[in-house]
Amino acid sequence: MTLVHHLIADGPRPVAPFSHAVEADGWVFLTGQMPTDPKAPDAPLPDGIEAQTIRVMDNLKVVLAGIGLGLEHVTMARIYLTQFERDYADLNRLWPSFFEAGKLPARTTIGVTALAVGALVEIDLVAKRPS
């Protein structure tokens, strides 16, 4: 098995030592992204779960595009929320808007005590290259 480590030049600035994605046999594992602005990584985070989720998904799309993929290739998502009870319903209302109708990836959502950079949400993905 060959591993390919991807660091996307115009992607979000890593908040820790990691690759944006690692690829193995056509499977692509994307590191969880934060709601930071790739063009202004030290700017304040957007306000609220919806704005932060949109920014996180935009960052994930940048990483996917950097390796020639898109959200249609996503098979699994893990979502981490610091305010689970408060934000879960709002996240669920927004989530389907990122994907083609009827083609949502498998998903796990987890409540956590804190995330890097004070974020409300972090999302990581698993994608598969077309054969």
N, C-alpha and C. Protein backbone atom coordinates (compact mmCIF):
# COMPACT_ATOMS: atom_id res chain seq x y z
N MET A 1 0.84 -1.17 0.00
CA MET A 1 0.00 0.00 0.00
C MET A 1 0.89 1.24 0.00
N THR A 2 0.55 2.17 -0.86
CA THR A 2 1.26 3.44 -0.92
C THR A 2 0.40 4.53 -0.28
N LEU A 3 1.01 5.32 0.57
CA LEU A 3 0.32 6.46 1.17
C LEU A 3 0.78 7.73 0.48
N VAL A 4 -0.17 8.61 0.21
CA VAL A 4 0.14 9.93 -0.35
C VAL A 4 -0.34 10.96 0.67
N HIS A 5 0.57 11.82 1.09
CA HIS A 5 0.25 12.86 2.07
C HIS A 5 0.06 14.18 1.32
N HIS A 6 -1.08 14.82 1.54
CA HIS A 6 -1.41 16.06 0.82
C HIS A 6 -1.41 17.24 1.79
N LEU A 7 -0.69 18.28 1.42
CA LEU A 7 -0.77 19.57 2.09
C LEU A 7 -1.12 20.57 0.99
N ILE A 8 -2.30 21.15 1.05
CA ILE A 8 -2.82 22.01 -0.01
C ILE A 8 -2.27 23.42 0.17
N ALA A 9 -1.56 23.92 -0.83
CA ALA A 9 -0.88 25.21 -0.72
C ALA A 9 -1.83 26.35 -0.34
N ASP A 10 -3.01 26.41 -0.95
CA ASP A 10 -3.94 27.50 -0.63
C ASP A 10 -5.02 27.06 0.34
N GLY A 11 -4.79 25.93 1.02
CA GLY A 11 -5.74 25.41 2.00
C GLY A 11 -5.63 26.14 3.32
N PRO A 12 -6.51 25.78 4.24
CA PRO A 12 -6.46 26.39 5.57
C PRO A 12 -5.13 26.12 6.25
N ARG A 13 -4.66 27.10 7.00
CA ARG A 13 -3.41 26.92 7.74
C ARG A 13 -3.64 25.88 8.83
N PRO A 14 -2.82 24.82 8.86
CA PRO A 14 -2.98 23.81 9.90
C PRO A 14 -2.82 24.42 11.30
N VAL A 15 -3.67 23.98 12.22
CA VAL A 15 -3.61 24.47 13.60
C VAL A 15 -2.78 23.52 14.47
N ALA A 16 -2.24 22.46 13.85
CA ALA A 16 -1.39 21.48 14.53
C ALA A 16 -0.55 20.80 13.44
N PRO A 17 0.41 19.96 13.81
CA PRO A 17 1.20 19.27 12.78
C PRO A 17 0.42 18.11 12.15
N PHE A 18 -0.07 18.30 10.92
CA PHE A 18 -0.79 17.26 10.20
C PHE A 18 -0.81 17.57 8.71
N SER A 19 -1.15 16.57 7.92
CA SER A 19 -1.43 16.74 6.49
C SER A 19 -2.90 17.11 6.36
N HIS A 20 -3.24 17.87 5.32
CA HIS A 20 -4.66 18.15 5.08
C HIS A 20 -5.42 16.87 4.77
N ALA A 21 -4.75 15.94 4.08
CA ALA A 21 -5.38 14.67 3.73
C ALA A 21 -4.30 13.62 3.52
N VAL A 22 -4.68 12.37 3.74
CA VAL A 22 -3.81 11.24 3.46
C VAL A 22 -4.62 10.26 2.63
N GLU A 23 -3.99 9.76 1.57
CA GLU A 23 -4.66 8.89 0.62
C GLU A 23 -4.04 7.50 0.66
N ALA A 24 -4.90 6.49 0.64
CA ALA A 24 -4.46 5.09 0.64
C ALA A 24 -5.40 4.28 -0.24
N ASP A 25 -4.87 3.75 -1.34
CA ASP A 25 -5.65 2.88 -2.23
C ASP A 25 -6.97 3.52 -2.67
N GLY A 26 -6.96 4.80 -2.98
CA GLY A 26 -8.15 5.49 -3.46
C GLY A 26 -9.04 6.05 -2.38
N TRP A 27 -8.78 5.68 -1.13
CA TRP A 27 -9.50 6.26 0.00
C TRP A 27 -8.75 7.50 0.47
N VAL A 28 -9.48 8.56 0.74
CA VAL A 28 -8.87 9.82 1.16
C VAL A 28 -9.45 10.22 2.51
N PHE A 29 -8.57 10.44 3.47
CA PHE A 29 -8.95 10.79 4.83
C PHE A 29 -8.57 12.25 5.07
N LEU A 30 -9.58 13.10 5.21
CA LEU A 30 -9.34 14.53 5.40
C LEU A 30 -9.31 14.87 6.87
N THR A 31 -8.29 15.58 7.27
CA THR A 31 -8.17 16.05 8.64
C THR A 31 -9.32 16.98 8.95
N GLY A 32 -9.78 16.94 10.19
CA GLY A 32 -10.84 17.85 10.61
C GLY A 32 -10.44 19.29 10.39
N GLN A 33 -11.35 20.05 9.83
CA GLN A 33 -11.09 21.46 9.55
C GLN A 33 -11.84 22.34 10.53
N MET A 34 -11.26 23.51 10.74
CA MET A 34 -11.79 24.49 11.66
C MET A 34 -12.45 25.62 10.85
N PRO A 35 -13.23 26.49 11.51
CA PRO A 35 -13.89 27.58 10.80
C PRO A 35 -13.00 28.82 10.64
N THR A 36 -11.73 28.59 10.32
CA THR A 36 -10.81 29.70 10.08
C THR A 36 -10.85 30.10 8.61
N ASP A 37 -10.47 31.32 8.33
CA ASP A 37 -10.44 31.82 6.95
C ASP A 37 -9.06 31.57 6.37
N PRO A 38 -8.94 30.76 5.32
CA PRO A 38 -7.62 30.48 4.75
C PRO A 38 -6.87 31.74 4.29
N LYS A 39 -7.62 32.78 3.92
CA LYS A 39 -6.98 34.02 3.46
C LYS A 39 -6.61 34.94 4.61
N ALA A 40 -7.21 34.71 5.78
CA ALA A 40 -6.92 35.53 6.97
C ALA A 40 -7.02 34.62 8.20
N PRO A 41 -6.05 33.71 8.36
CA PRO A 41 -6.18 32.68 9.41
C PRO A 41 -6.23 33.20 10.84
N ASP A 42 -5.80 34.44 11.07
CA ASP A 42 -5.84 34.99 12.42
C ASP A 42 -7.07 35.86 12.67
N ALA A 43 -7.96 35.97 11.67
CA ALA A 43 -9.18 36.75 11.83
C ALA A 43 -10.11 36.06 12.82
N PRO A 44 -11.01 36.81 13.44
CA PRO A 44 -11.99 36.18 14.34
C PRO A 44 -12.83 35.15 13.60
N LEU A 45 -13.27 34.14 14.34
CA LEU A 45 -14.13 33.11 13.74
C LEU A 45 -15.51 33.69 13.47
N PRO A 46 -16.22 33.13 12.50
CA PRO A 46 -17.60 33.58 12.27
C PRO A 46 -18.46 33.32 13.51
N ASP A 47 -19.52 34.08 13.66
CA ASP A 47 -20.42 33.93 14.80
C ASP A 47 -21.46 32.85 14.53
N GLY A 48 -21.64 31.96 15.46
CA GLY A 48 -22.73 30.99 15.41
C GLY A 48 -22.40 29.71 14.67
N ILE A 49 -23.18 28.68 14.98
CA ILE A 49 -22.94 27.35 14.43
C ILE A 49 -23.14 27.32 12.92
N GLU A 50 -24.14 28.01 12.40
CA GLU A 50 -24.38 27.95 10.96
C GLU A 50 -23.22 28.57 10.18
N ALA A 51 -22.80 29.76 10.58
CA ALA A 51 -21.69 30.43 9.88
C ALA A 51 -20.40 29.63 10.02
N GLN A 52 -20.16 29.06 11.20
CA GLN A 52 -18.94 28.28 11.37
C GLN A 52 -19.00 26.98 10.56
N THR A 53 -20.15 26.35 10.50
CA THR A 53 -20.28 25.12 9.71
C THR A 53 -20.06 25.40 8.23
N ILE A 54 -20.61 26.48 7.73
CA ILE A 54 -20.41 26.85 6.33
C ILE A 54 -18.93 27.08 6.05
N ARG A 55 -18.23 27.78 6.93
CA ARG A 55 -16.80 28.02 6.76
C ARG A 55 -16.02 26.72 6.79
N VAL A 56 -16.35 25.82 7.73
CA VAL A 56 -15.66 24.53 7.79
C VAL A 56 -15.87 23.76 6.49
N MET A 57 -17.10 23.72 6.00
CA MET A 57 -17.37 23.00 4.75
C MET A 57 -16.66 23.66 3.58
N ASP A 58 -16.59 24.98 3.55
CA ASP A 58 -15.82 25.67 2.49
C ASP A 58 -14.36 25.25 2.56
N ASN A 59 -13.80 25.15 3.76
CA ASN A 59 -12.41 24.72 3.91
C ASN A 59 -12.21 23.28 3.45
N LEU A 60 -13.16 22.42 3.77
CA LEU A 60 -13.08 21.03 3.31
C LEU A 60 -13.17 20.96 1.79
N LYS A 61 -14.00 21.80 1.19
CA LYS A 61 -14.10 21.84 -0.28
C LYS A 61 -12.78 22.28 -0.91
N VAL A 62 -12.07 23.21 -0.27
CA VAL A 62 -10.76 23.64 -0.77
C VAL A 62 -9.79 22.46 -0.75
N VAL A 63 -9.78 21.71 0.34
CA VAL A 63 -8.89 20.55 0.43
C VAL A 63 -9.28 19.51 -0.62
N LEU A 64 -10.55 19.20 -0.72
CA LEU A 64 -10.99 18.23 -1.72
C LEU A 64 -10.62 18.68 -3.13
N ALA A 65 -10.88 19.93 -3.46
CA ALA A 65 -10.56 20.45 -4.80
C ALA A 65 -9.05 20.38 -5.06
N GLY A 66 -8.26 20.59 -4.02
CA GLY A 66 -6.81 20.55 -4.16
C GLY A 66 -6.28 19.17 -4.54
N ILE A 67 -7.10 18.15 -4.35
CA ILE A 67 -6.70 16.79 -4.74
C ILE A 67 -7.64 16.22 -5.81
N GLY A 68 -8.38 17.11 -6.45
CA GLY A 68 -9.22 16.70 -7.58
C GLY A 68 -10.52 16.01 -7.23
N LEU A 69 -11.05 16.27 -6.03
CA LEU A 69 -12.30 15.66 -5.60
C LEU A 69 -13.30 16.74 -5.18
N GLY A 70 -14.51 16.32 -4.87
CA GLY A 70 -15.55 17.22 -4.40
C GLY A 70 -16.41 16.53 -3.35
N LEU A 71 -17.40 17.23 -2.84
CA LEU A 71 -18.26 16.66 -1.81
C LEU A 71 -19.01 15.42 -2.29
N GLU A 72 -19.20 15.29 -3.60
CA GLU A 72 -19.89 14.10 -4.13
C GLU A 72 -19.08 12.82 -3.91
N HIS A 73 -17.81 12.95 -3.56
CA HIS A 73 -16.95 11.79 -3.31
C HIS A 73 -16.89 11.40 -1.83
N VAL A 74 -17.56 12.16 -0.99
CA VAL A 74 -17.49 11.92 0.46
C VAL A 74 -18.37 10.73 0.83
N THR A 75 -17.80 9.81 1.61
CA THR A 75 -18.52 8.63 2.05
C THR A 75 -18.90 8.69 3.53
N MET A 76 -18.13 9.45 4.32
CA MET A 76 -18.33 9.49 5.77
C MET A 76 -17.92 10.84 6.31
N ALA A 77 -18.66 11.33 7.28
CA ALA A 77 -18.32 12.59 7.96
C ALA A 77 -18.39 12.36 9.46
N ARG A 78 -17.46 12.98 10.17
CA ARG A 78 -17.51 13.05 11.63
C ARG A 78 -17.56 14.51 11.99
N ILE A 79 -18.53 14.85 12.82
CA ILE A 79 -18.75 16.24 13.22
C ILE A 79 -18.59 16.33 14.73
N TYR A 80 -17.83 17.30 15.17
CA TYR A 80 -17.59 17.53 16.59
C TYR A 80 -18.21 18.87 16.97
N LEU A 81 -19.06 18.88 17.99
CA LEU A 81 -19.73 20.10 18.46
C LEU A 81 -19.41 20.36 19.92
N THR A 82 -19.06 21.60 20.24
CA THR A 82 -18.80 21.94 21.64
C THR A 82 -20.07 22.25 22.40
N GLN A 83 -21.13 22.62 21.70
CA GLN A 83 -22.42 22.91 22.34
C GLN A 83 -23.48 22.00 21.71
N PHE A 84 -23.34 20.70 21.94
CA PHE A 84 -24.15 19.70 21.26
C PHE A 84 -25.65 19.96 21.38
N GLU A 85 -26.14 20.08 22.57
CA GLU A 85 -27.59 20.24 22.76
C GLU A 85 -28.10 21.52 22.12
N ARG A 86 -27.33 22.58 22.18
CA ARG A 86 -27.76 23.86 21.59
C ARG A 86 -27.69 23.83 20.07
N ASP A 87 -26.65 23.22 19.49
CA ASP A 87 -26.36 23.39 18.07
C ASP A 87 -26.76 22.22 17.17
N TYR A 88 -27.09 21.07 17.74
CA TYR A 88 -27.36 19.88 16.94
C TYR A 88 -28.51 20.07 15.95
N ALA A 89 -29.61 20.63 16.38
CA ALA A 89 -30.77 20.82 15.49
C ALA A 89 -30.43 21.78 14.36
N ASP A 90 -29.74 22.88 14.66
CA ASP A 90 -29.36 23.84 13.61
C ASP A 90 -28.41 23.20 12.60
N LEU A 91 -27.46 22.41 13.09
CA LEU A 91 -26.56 21.69 12.20
C LEU A 91 -27.34 20.76 11.29
N ASN A 92 -28.28 20.02 11.85
CA ASN A 92 -29.07 19.08 11.06
C ASN A 92 -29.90 19.77 9.97
N ARG A 93 -30.40 20.95 10.26
CA ARG A 93 -31.15 21.70 9.23
C ARG A 93 -30.25 22.13 8.08
N LEU A 94 -29.01 22.48 8.38
CA LEU A 94 -28.07 22.99 7.38
C LEU A 94 -27.39 21.86 6.60
N TRP A 95 -27.11 20.76 7.24
CA TRP A 95 -26.27 19.70 6.68
C TRP A 95 -26.69 19.24 5.29
N PRO A 96 -27.97 18.94 5.02
CA PRO A 96 -28.34 18.43 3.69
C PRO A 96 -28.04 19.41 2.55
N SER A 97 -27.92 20.69 2.84
CA SER A 97 -27.68 21.68 1.79
C SER A 97 -26.31 21.53 1.13
N PHE A 98 -25.41 20.80 1.75
CA PHE A 98 -24.07 20.64 1.19
C PHE A 98 -23.97 19.50 0.18
N PHE A 99 -25.01 18.67 0.09
CA PHE A 99 -24.94 17.45 -0.72
C PHE A 99 -26.13 17.34 -1.65
N GLU A 100 -25.96 16.53 -2.67
CA GLU A 100 -27.06 16.25 -3.59
C GLU A 100 -28.19 15.55 -2.82
N ALA A 101 -29.43 15.92 -3.15
CA ALA A 101 -30.58 15.33 -2.47
C ALA A 101 -30.53 13.81 -2.51
N GLY A 102 -30.75 13.20 -1.36
CA GLY A 102 -30.78 11.75 -1.27
C GLY A 102 -29.42 11.09 -1.27
N LYS A 103 -28.33 11.88 -1.27
CA LYS A 103 -26.98 11.30 -1.32
C LYS A 103 -26.11 11.84 -0.18
N LEU A 104 -26.64 11.74 1.02
CA LEU A 104 -25.88 12.18 2.19
C LEU A 104 -24.86 11.13 2.58
N PRO A 105 -23.67 11.55 3.01
CA PRO A 105 -22.70 10.56 3.48
C PRO A 105 -23.14 9.98 4.83
N ALA A 106 -22.57 8.84 5.18
CA ALA A 106 -22.72 8.34 6.55
C ALA A 106 -22.15 9.41 7.48
N ARG A 107 -22.64 9.45 8.73
CA ARG A 107 -22.23 10.56 9.60
C ARG A 107 -22.30 10.15 11.06
N THR A 108 -21.35 10.66 11.82
CA THR A 108 -21.36 10.57 13.28
C THR A 108 -21.19 11.99 13.80
N THR A 109 -21.98 12.35 14.81
CA THR A 109 -21.85 13.67 15.44
C THR A 109 -21.57 13.45 16.91
N ILE A 110 -20.54 14.14 17.40
CA ILE A 110 -20.04 13.90 18.75
C ILE A 110 -19.98 15.21 19.51
N GLY A 111 -20.45 15.21 20.74
CA GLY A 111 -20.29 16.37 21.62
C GLY A 111 -18.95 16.30 22.31
N VAL A 112 -18.23 17.42 22.30
CA VAL A 112 -16.90 17.50 22.91
C VAL A 112 -16.84 18.72 23.84
N THR A 113 -15.85 18.73 24.71
CA THR A 113 -15.73 19.83 25.66
C THR A 113 -15.07 21.07 25.07
N ALA A 114 -14.21 20.89 24.08
CA ALA A 114 -13.52 22.03 23.48
C ALA A 114 -12.91 21.61 22.16
N LEU A 115 -12.66 22.61 21.30
CA LEU A 115 -11.98 22.41 20.02
C LEU A 115 -10.89 23.46 19.87
N ALA A 116 -9.93 23.18 18.99
CA ALA A 116 -8.85 24.14 18.71
C ALA A 116 -9.46 25.48 18.29
N VAL A 117 -8.74 26.51 18.50
CA VAL A 117 -9.04 27.91 18.15
C VAL A 117 -10.39 28.39 18.69
N GLY A 118 -10.95 27.69 19.67
CA GLY A 118 -12.22 28.11 20.25
C GLY A 118 -13.42 27.88 19.35
N ALA A 119 -13.29 26.98 18.39
CA ALA A 119 -14.35 26.72 17.43
C ALA A 119 -15.55 26.03 18.08
N LEU A 120 -16.71 26.22 17.48
CA LEU A 120 -17.93 25.51 17.88
C LEU A 120 -18.06 24.18 17.18
N VAL A 121 -17.40 24.04 16.00
CA VAL A 121 -17.56 22.85 15.17
C VAL A 121 -16.26 22.51 14.47
N GLU A 122 -16.02 21.22 14.31
CA GLU A 122 -14.93 20.69 13.50
C GLU A 122 -15.51 19.50 12.74
N ILE A 123 -15.11 19.35 11.48
CA ILE A 123 -15.61 18.25 10.66
C ILE A 123 -14.45 17.60 9.94
N ASP A 124 -14.38 16.26 10.01
CA ASP A 124 -13.44 15.52 9.17
C ASP A 124 -14.22 14.63 8.23
N LEU A 125 -13.60 14.23 7.15
CA LEU A 125 -14.28 13.48 6.10
C LEU A 125 -13.45 12.30 5.62
N VAL A 126 -14.14 11.31 5.09
CA VAL A 126 -13.54 10.23 4.32
C VAL A 126 -14.15 10.30 2.93
N ALA A 127 -13.30 10.27 1.91
CA ALA A 127 -13.76 10.31 0.53
C ALA A 127 -13.16 9.14 -0.23
N LYS A 128 -13.73 8.84 -1.39
CA LYS A 128 -13.23 7.76 -2.23
C LYS A 128 -13.07 8.26 -3.64
N ARG A 129 -11.88 8.04 -4.20
CA ARG A 129 -11.66 8.38 -5.61
C ARG A 129 -12.48 7.46 -6.49
N PRO A 130 -13.05 7.99 -7.56
CA PRO A 130 -13.74 7.10 -8.51
C PRO A 130 -12.76 6.12 -9.12
N SER A 131 -13.22 4.92 -9.35
CA SER A 131 -12.35 3.88 -9.94
C SER A 131 -12.19 4.08 -11.41
